[in-house]
């Protein structure tokens, strides 16, 4: 009888352990934060309690836009309203860097590069402090995988309100965080010159995921502060990858820095021939753009991107 009771208890224990292994008690905040987010407005707080939500669409500036993407351990954001009318560039701002999320109410962004006022401000900060990034410690409220709010300081009475943007396409081999490592000049479709893209001169980083993309081209190491190019340029839009025909189609909607035009979705089509050398390296050829740093006789350019994440 004792042996029978012991055997039953052993079976229950094994079954219980198995159930614990297949259903781990893990908080999903590290997954919930990932993706593209659209800022829809600002939450007003009083003594830490939400009292009102001020939507962009109902404000004095209904055309204000701000997009943010978290992917792996990288963050990138873009807006069209944080700008200075006296600056040589006329577009908004953007930032790029790494992030750490500690819980559903705590996140740090380590911003290293950017465009517009953010890019110029980061450049000045890094030179003065002798550092490679600036830390932004934020109080957040990550409600779930669809909404979150963010305060840039604990004592602030206002919080940015964000909603998750849905994927526009299935995941593909181009999804990830990419950095330009080479630029190739083409003359009459023939490659004639290859130039490296050192990060301390030009930093071109692109996040692509679920049919959406965003990029930041920091030119603060390339131009002088009183020049238009110092503002760099960023962009946000959607993309389509035709892997069978080796084509990438990008539809930029709006940008930052010196990039000021605005387009409706799926209107501003940019066509690129694309070649994957492997899963972590691809060439993008644009026959309508000669680039910034290459041969003056170039009629097109190729950009070689290396996967960061």
Protein backbone atom coordinates (compact mmCIF):
# COMPACT_ATOMS: atom_id res chain seq x y z
CA UNK A 1 0.00 0.00 0.00
CA UNK A 2 2.83 2.38 0.93
CA UNK A 3 4.59 1.60 -2.38
CA UNK A 4 1.38 2.34 -4.29
CA UNK A 5 0.93 5.73 -2.55
CA UNK A 6 4.59 6.61 -3.21
CA UNK A 7 4.20 5.70 -6.90
CA UNK A 8 1.09 7.92 -7.27
CA UNK A 9 2.86 10.85 -5.58
CA UNK A 10 5.85 10.39 -7.88
CA UNK A 11 3.61 10.51 -10.98
CA UNK A 12 1.93 13.70 -9.70
CA UNK A 13 5.32 15.31 -9.03
CA UNK A 14 6.65 14.47 -12.50
CA UNK A 15 3.45 15.71 -14.13
CA UNK A 16 3.63 18.93 -12.12
CA UNK A 17 7.26 19.55 -13.14
CA UNK A 18 6.38 18.93 -16.77
CA UNK A 19 3.55 21.45 -16.65
CA UNK A 20 5.87 24.07 -15.14
CA UNK A 21 8.33 23.57 -17.99
CA UNK A 22 5.74 24.01 -20.74
CA UNK A 23 4.05 27.03 -19.13
CA UNK A 24 6.79 29.28 -17.72
CA UNK A 25 5.67 32.30 -15.72
CA UNK A 26 7.47 34.97 -17.76
CA UNK A 27 6.49 38.64 -18.11
CA UNK A 28 6.34 39.54 -21.80
CA UNK A 29 7.26 43.24 -21.49
CA UNK A 30 10.52 42.66 -23.37
CA UNK A 31 8.49 41.38 -26.33
CA UNK A 32 5.58 43.80 -25.96
CA UNK A 33 7.81 46.86 -26.49
CA UNK A 34 9.12 45.64 -29.86
CA UNK A 35 7.73 47.03 -33.12
CA UNK A 36 6.72 50.34 -34.70
CA UNK A 37 4.79 52.81 -32.55
CA UNK A 38 2.76 55.88 -33.50
CA UNK A 39 2.46 58.76 -31.06
CA UNK A 40 -1.18 59.82 -31.08
CA UNK A 41 -1.03 62.52 -28.44
CA UNK A 42 -0.10 63.57 -24.92
CA UNK A 43 -1.54 62.48 -21.56
CA UNK A 44 -1.98 65.16 -18.90
CA UNK A 45 -1.30 64.01 -15.34
CA UNK A 46 -2.18 65.43 -11.93
CA UNK A 47 -0.44 63.92 -8.92
CA UNK A 48 0.48 60.99 -11.14
CA UNK A 49 -3.13 60.35 -12.19
CA UNK A 50 -4.27 60.65 -15.81
CA UNK A 51 -6.81 63.46 -16.14
CA UNK A 52 -6.91 64.15 -19.88
CA UNK A 53 -5.57 62.96 -23.24
CA UNK A 54 -4.64 65.63 -25.79
CA UNK A 55 -4.78 64.01 -29.23
CA UNK A 56 -2.62 65.34 -32.05
CA UNK A 57 -5.61 65.26 -34.42
CA UNK A 58 -7.59 67.58 -32.14
CA UNK A 59 -4.73 70.00 -31.41
CA UNK A 60 -3.68 73.27 -33.01
CA UNK A 61 -1.14 71.25 -35.03
CA UNK A 62 -3.09 68.23 -36.34
CA UNK A 63 -0.34 67.40 -38.84
CA UNK A 64 2.19 66.62 -36.08
CA UNK A 65 3.71 63.18 -36.55
CA UNK A 66 6.06 61.04 -34.46
CA UNK A 67 7.03 57.42 -35.04
CA UNK A 68 9.27 55.21 -32.92
CA UNK A 69 10.63 51.71 -33.51
CA UNK A 70 12.10 49.25 -31.01
CA UNK A 71 13.78 46.20 -32.51
CA UNK A 72 16.14 43.85 -30.68
CA UNK A 73 18.10 46.27 -28.46
CA UNK A 74 17.92 49.27 -30.85
CA UNK A 75 15.58 52.26 -30.87
CA UNK A 76 14.88 54.89 -33.53
CA UNK A 77 12.39 57.74 -33.59
CA UNK A 78 11.35 60.49 -35.96
CA UNK A 79 9.12 63.56 -35.74
CA UNK A 80 8.18 66.46 -38.00
CA UNK A 81 7.68 69.16 -35.36
CA UNK A 82 10.77 69.48 -33.14
CA UNK A 83 12.65 72.07 -35.18
CA UNK A 84 14.22 75.52 -35.17
CA UNK A 85 13.23 77.99 -37.88
CA UNK A 86 16.68 79.60 -37.70
CA UNK A 87 18.53 76.34 -38.48
CA UNK A 88 19.90 75.80 -42.02
CA UNK A 89 17.72 72.67 -42.31
CA UNK A 90 13.94 73.00 -42.11
CA UNK A 91 12.71 69.53 -41.16
CA UNK A 92 12.00 67.86 -37.85
CA UNK A 93 14.22 65.70 -35.67
CA UNK A 94 15.10 62.07 -35.12
CA UNK A 95 17.30 59.86 -32.96
CA UNK A 96 18.97 56.46 -32.97
CA UNK A 97 20.64 54.36 -30.30
CA UNK A 98 20.28 51.41 -27.96
CA UNK A 99 17.72 50.80 -25.25
CA UNK A 100 17.27 48.76 -22.09
CA UNK A 101 13.85 47.92 -20.68
CA UNK A 102 13.79 46.85 -17.04
CA UNK A 103 10.07 46.44 -16.38
CA UNK A 104 6.70 47.71 -17.57
CA UNK A 105 7.44 51.09 -15.97
CA UNK A 106 11.15 51.68 -16.57
CA UNK A 107 13.19 52.12 -19.76
CA UNK A 108 16.47 53.79 -20.74
CA UNK A 109 17.34 55.02 -24.23
CA UNK A 110 21.04 55.53 -25.01
CA UNK A 111 20.91 57.89 -27.97
CA UNK A 112 24.08 58.06 -30.07
CA UNK A 113 23.06 59.71 -33.35
CA UNK A 114 20.27 61.65 -34.94
CA UNK A 115 19.00 64.26 -37.36
CA UNK A 116 17.76 67.83 -37.08
CA UNK A 117 17.95 69.40 -33.62
CA UNK A 118 18.43 65.99 -32.01
CA UNK A 119 21.44 65.22 -34.19
CA UNK A 120 23.10 68.59 -33.63
CA UNK A 121 22.35 68.46 -29.90
CA UNK A 122 23.76 64.96 -29.52
CA UNK A 123 26.90 65.94 -31.41
CA UNK A 124 27.51 68.86 -29.05
CA UNK A 125 26.77 66.74 -25.97
CA UNK A 126 29.12 63.93 -27.01
CA UNK A 127 31.99 66.33 -27.74
CA UNK A 128 31.59 68.17 -24.41
CA UNK A 129 31.12 65.02 -22.31
CA UNK A 130 33.64 62.85 -24.16
CA UNK A 131 31.10 60.07 -24.49
CA UNK A 132 29.46 58.12 -27.30
CA UNK A 133 25.82 58.51 -26.24
CA UNK A 134 23.38 60.36 -24.03
CA UNK A 135 21.16 58.43 -21.61
CA UNK A 136 17.46 59.19 -21.30
CA UNK A 137 15.94 57.46 -18.26
CA UNK A 138 12.19 57.24 -18.75
CA UNK A 139 9.17 56.36 -16.68
CA UNK A 140 6.83 54.35 -18.86
CA UNK A 141 3.51 52.59 -18.56
CA UNK A 142 3.60 49.63 -20.92
CA UNK A 143 -0.03 48.60 -20.60
CA UNK A 144 0.24 45.75 -23.11
CA UNK A 145 1.65 45.08 -26.58
CA UNK A 146 -0.67 47.70 -28.11
CA UNK A 147 -0.29 50.87 -26.00
CA UNK A 148 2.22 52.60 -23.76
CA UNK A 149 2.97 56.04 -22.34
CA UNK A 150 6.32 57.64 -21.65
CA UNK A 151 7.52 60.42 -19.36
CA UNK A 152 10.97 61.83 -20.06
CA UNK A 153 11.34 62.82 -16.40
CA UNK A 154 9.72 61.42 -13.27
CA UNK A 155 8.34 64.81 -12.17
CA UNK A 156 6.71 65.66 -15.51
CA UNK A 157 2.95 66.24 -15.60
CA UNK A 158 2.77 65.15 -19.22
CA UNK A 159 3.38 61.78 -20.89
CA UNK A 160 3.66 60.86 -24.55
CA UNK A 161 0.90 58.45 -25.58
CA UNK A 162 1.78 55.73 -28.14
CA UNK A 163 -0.14 53.07 -30.03
CA UNK A 164 1.39 50.04 -31.79
CA UNK A 165 1.28 50.07 -35.60
CA UNK A 166 0.26 46.73 -37.15
CA UNK A 167 2.55 44.87 -39.53
CA UNK A 168 1.91 45.56 -43.20
CA UNK A 169 3.64 42.42 -44.46
CA UNK A 170 4.88 39.05 -43.18
CA UNK A 171 8.34 38.88 -41.67
CA UNK A 172 11.08 38.59 -44.29
CA UNK A 173 14.85 38.17 -44.53
CA UNK A 174 15.32 41.94 -44.75
CA UNK A 175 13.69 42.56 -41.39
CA UNK A 176 16.27 43.83 -38.92
CA UNK A 177 18.59 46.73 -38.11
CA UNK A 178 21.04 47.60 -40.88
CA UNK A 179 24.04 49.94 -41.15
CA UNK A 180 25.54 51.22 -44.40
CA UNK A 181 29.18 50.12 -44.67
CA UNK A 182 30.00 50.96 -48.32
CA UNK A 183 28.77 53.22 -51.08
CA UNK A 184 29.43 52.29 -54.71
CA UNK A 185 29.36 54.84 -57.54
CA UNK A 186 27.86 53.71 -60.84
CA UNK A 187 28.40 55.35 -64.23
CA UNK A 188 26.06 54.04 -66.93
CA UNK A 189 25.25 51.00 -64.76
CA UNK A 190 28.94 50.16 -64.29
CA UNK A 191 30.50 50.28 -60.78
CA UNK A 192 33.50 52.61 -60.90
CA UNK A 193 34.29 53.50 -57.29
CA UNK A 194 33.71 52.12 -53.80
CA UNK A 195 33.84 54.30 -50.69
CA UNK A 196 33.60 53.10 -47.10
CA UNK A 197 31.11 54.82 -44.81
CA UNK A 198 32.93 55.36 -41.49
CA UNK A 199 30.50 55.93 -38.64
CA UNK A 200 32.31 59.03 -37.38
CA UNK A 201 31.71 60.76 -40.74
CA UNK A 202 28.38 59.40 -41.99
CA UNK A 203 26.13 57.10 -39.98
CA UNK A 204 23.31 55.61 -42.04
CA UNK A 205 21.13 53.18 -40.08
CA UNK A 206 17.84 51.64 -41.18
CA UNK A 207 15.24 49.62 -39.26
CA UNK A 208 12.97 47.37 -41.35
CA UNK A 209 10.24 45.20 -39.91
CA UNK A 210 6.83 43.94 -40.96
CA UNK A 211 6.62 46.09 -44.08
CA UNK A 212 7.58 49.35 -42.34
CA UNK A 213 10.95 51.10 -42.34
CA UNK A 214 12.68 54.07 -40.79
CA UNK A 215 16.18 55.44 -41.29
CA UNK A 216 18.51 58.04 -39.82
CA UNK A 217 21.40 59.54 -41.80
CA UNK A 218 23.58 61.50 -39.35
CA UNK A 219 25.83 63.94 -41.25
CA UNK A 220 27.25 65.90 -38.31
CA UNK A 221 30.67 64.38 -39.03
CA UNK A 222 30.44 65.29 -42.70
CA UNK A 223 29.17 68.92 -42.72
CA UNK A 224 29.72 72.06 -40.65
CA UNK A 225 27.07 73.31 -38.16
CA UNK A 226 26.20 76.28 -40.37
CA UNK A 227 25.55 74.07 -43.40
CA UNK A 228 22.20 72.58 -44.40
CA UNK A 229 23.61 69.04 -44.58
CA UNK A 230 24.51 69.20 -40.88
CA UNK A 231 20.84 68.48 -40.18
CA UNK A 232 21.14 65.11 -41.89
CA UNK A 233 18.01 63.38 -43.08
CA UNK A 234 15.67 60.71 -41.87
CA UNK A 235 12.61 59.04 -43.26
CA UNK A 236 9.64 56.81 -42.48
CA UNK A 237 7.43 54.76 -44.76
CA UNK A 238 6.54 51.29 -45.95
CA UNK A 239 8.34 48.76 -48.14
CA UNK A 240 7.71 45.74 -50.32
CA UNK A 241 10.36 43.07 -50.88
CA UNK A 242 10.12 41.09 -54.12
CA UNK A 243 12.71 38.45 -53.33
CA UNK A 244 12.09 36.42 -56.53
CA UNK A 245 12.94 39.38 -58.78
CA UNK A 246 15.55 40.89 -56.44
CA UNK A 247 13.68 44.17 -56.04
CA UNK A 248 12.98 46.39 -53.04
CA UNK A 249 10.28 49.07 -53.24
CA UNK A 250 10.23 51.81 -50.61
CA UNK A 251 7.45 54.36 -50.16
CA UNK A 252 8.71 57.19 -47.97
CA UNK A 253 5.91 59.24 -46.41
CA UNK A 254 7.78 61.93 -44.49
CA UNK A 255 11.17 62.71 -42.99
CA UNK A 256 13.42 64.82 -40.77
CA UNK A 257 16.43 67.13 -41.10
CA UNK A 258 16.71 68.28 -44.70
CA UNK A 259 13.97 65.85 -45.77
CA UNK A 260 10.76 67.90 -45.68
CA UNK A 261 8.35 66.56 -48.38
CA UNK A 262 5.26 64.65 -47.23
CA UNK A 263 3.44 61.98 -49.23
CA UNK A 264 0.40 59.80 -48.78
CA UNK A 265 1.09 56.08 -48.17
CA UNK A 266 2.09 54.02 -51.23
CA UNK A 267 2.54 57.10 -53.46
CA UNK A 268 6.24 58.01 -53.35
CA UNK A 269 7.71 54.84 -54.85
CA UNK A 270 11.48 54.34 -54.85
CA UNK A 271 12.80 51.32 -56.72
CA UNK A 272 16.00 49.49 -55.77
CA UNK A 273 17.69 46.48 -57.27
CA UNK A 274 18.80 44.29 -54.40
CA UNK A 275 21.33 41.48 -53.96
CA UNK A 276 21.81 39.49 -50.76
CA UNK A 277 25.41 38.35 -50.35
CA UNK A 278 24.27 36.39 -47.30
CA UNK A 279 21.67 36.80 -44.53
CA UNK A 280 23.65 39.65 -42.97
CA UNK A 281 24.84 41.66 -45.99
CA UNK A 282 22.99 43.10 -48.98
CA UNK A 283 23.54 45.55 -51.84
CA UNK A 284 20.87 48.09 -52.76
CA UNK A 285 21.26 49.84 -56.16
CA UNK A 286 19.44 53.07 -56.92
CA UNK A 287 19.87 54.24 -60.51
CA UNK A 288 18.13 57.57 -59.90
CA UNK A 289 20.38 58.82 -57.07
CA UNK A 290 24.11 59.58 -57.32
CA UNK A 291 24.61 60.00 -53.56
CA UNK A 292 26.56 62.47 -51.43
CA UNK A 293 30.12 61.23 -51.13
CA UNK A 294 30.92 59.51 -54.40
CA UNK A 295 32.25 60.23 -57.88
CA UNK A 296 30.90 63.52 -59.30
CA UNK A 297 30.24 61.75 -62.62
CA UNK A 298 28.10 59.06 -61.01
CA UNK A 299 24.67 58.40 -62.46
CA UNK A 300 23.61 55.96 -59.76
CA UNK A 301 24.79 54.43 -56.52
CA UNK A 302 24.83 51.20 -54.60
CA UNK A 303 24.60 51.00 -50.84
CA UNK A 304 25.98 47.98 -49.01
CA UNK A 305 24.20 47.35 -45.71
CA UNK A 306 25.43 45.10 -42.92
CA UNK A 307 23.09 43.68 -40.33
CA UNK A 308 23.53 45.07 -36.82
CA UNK A 309 20.69 43.07 -35.29
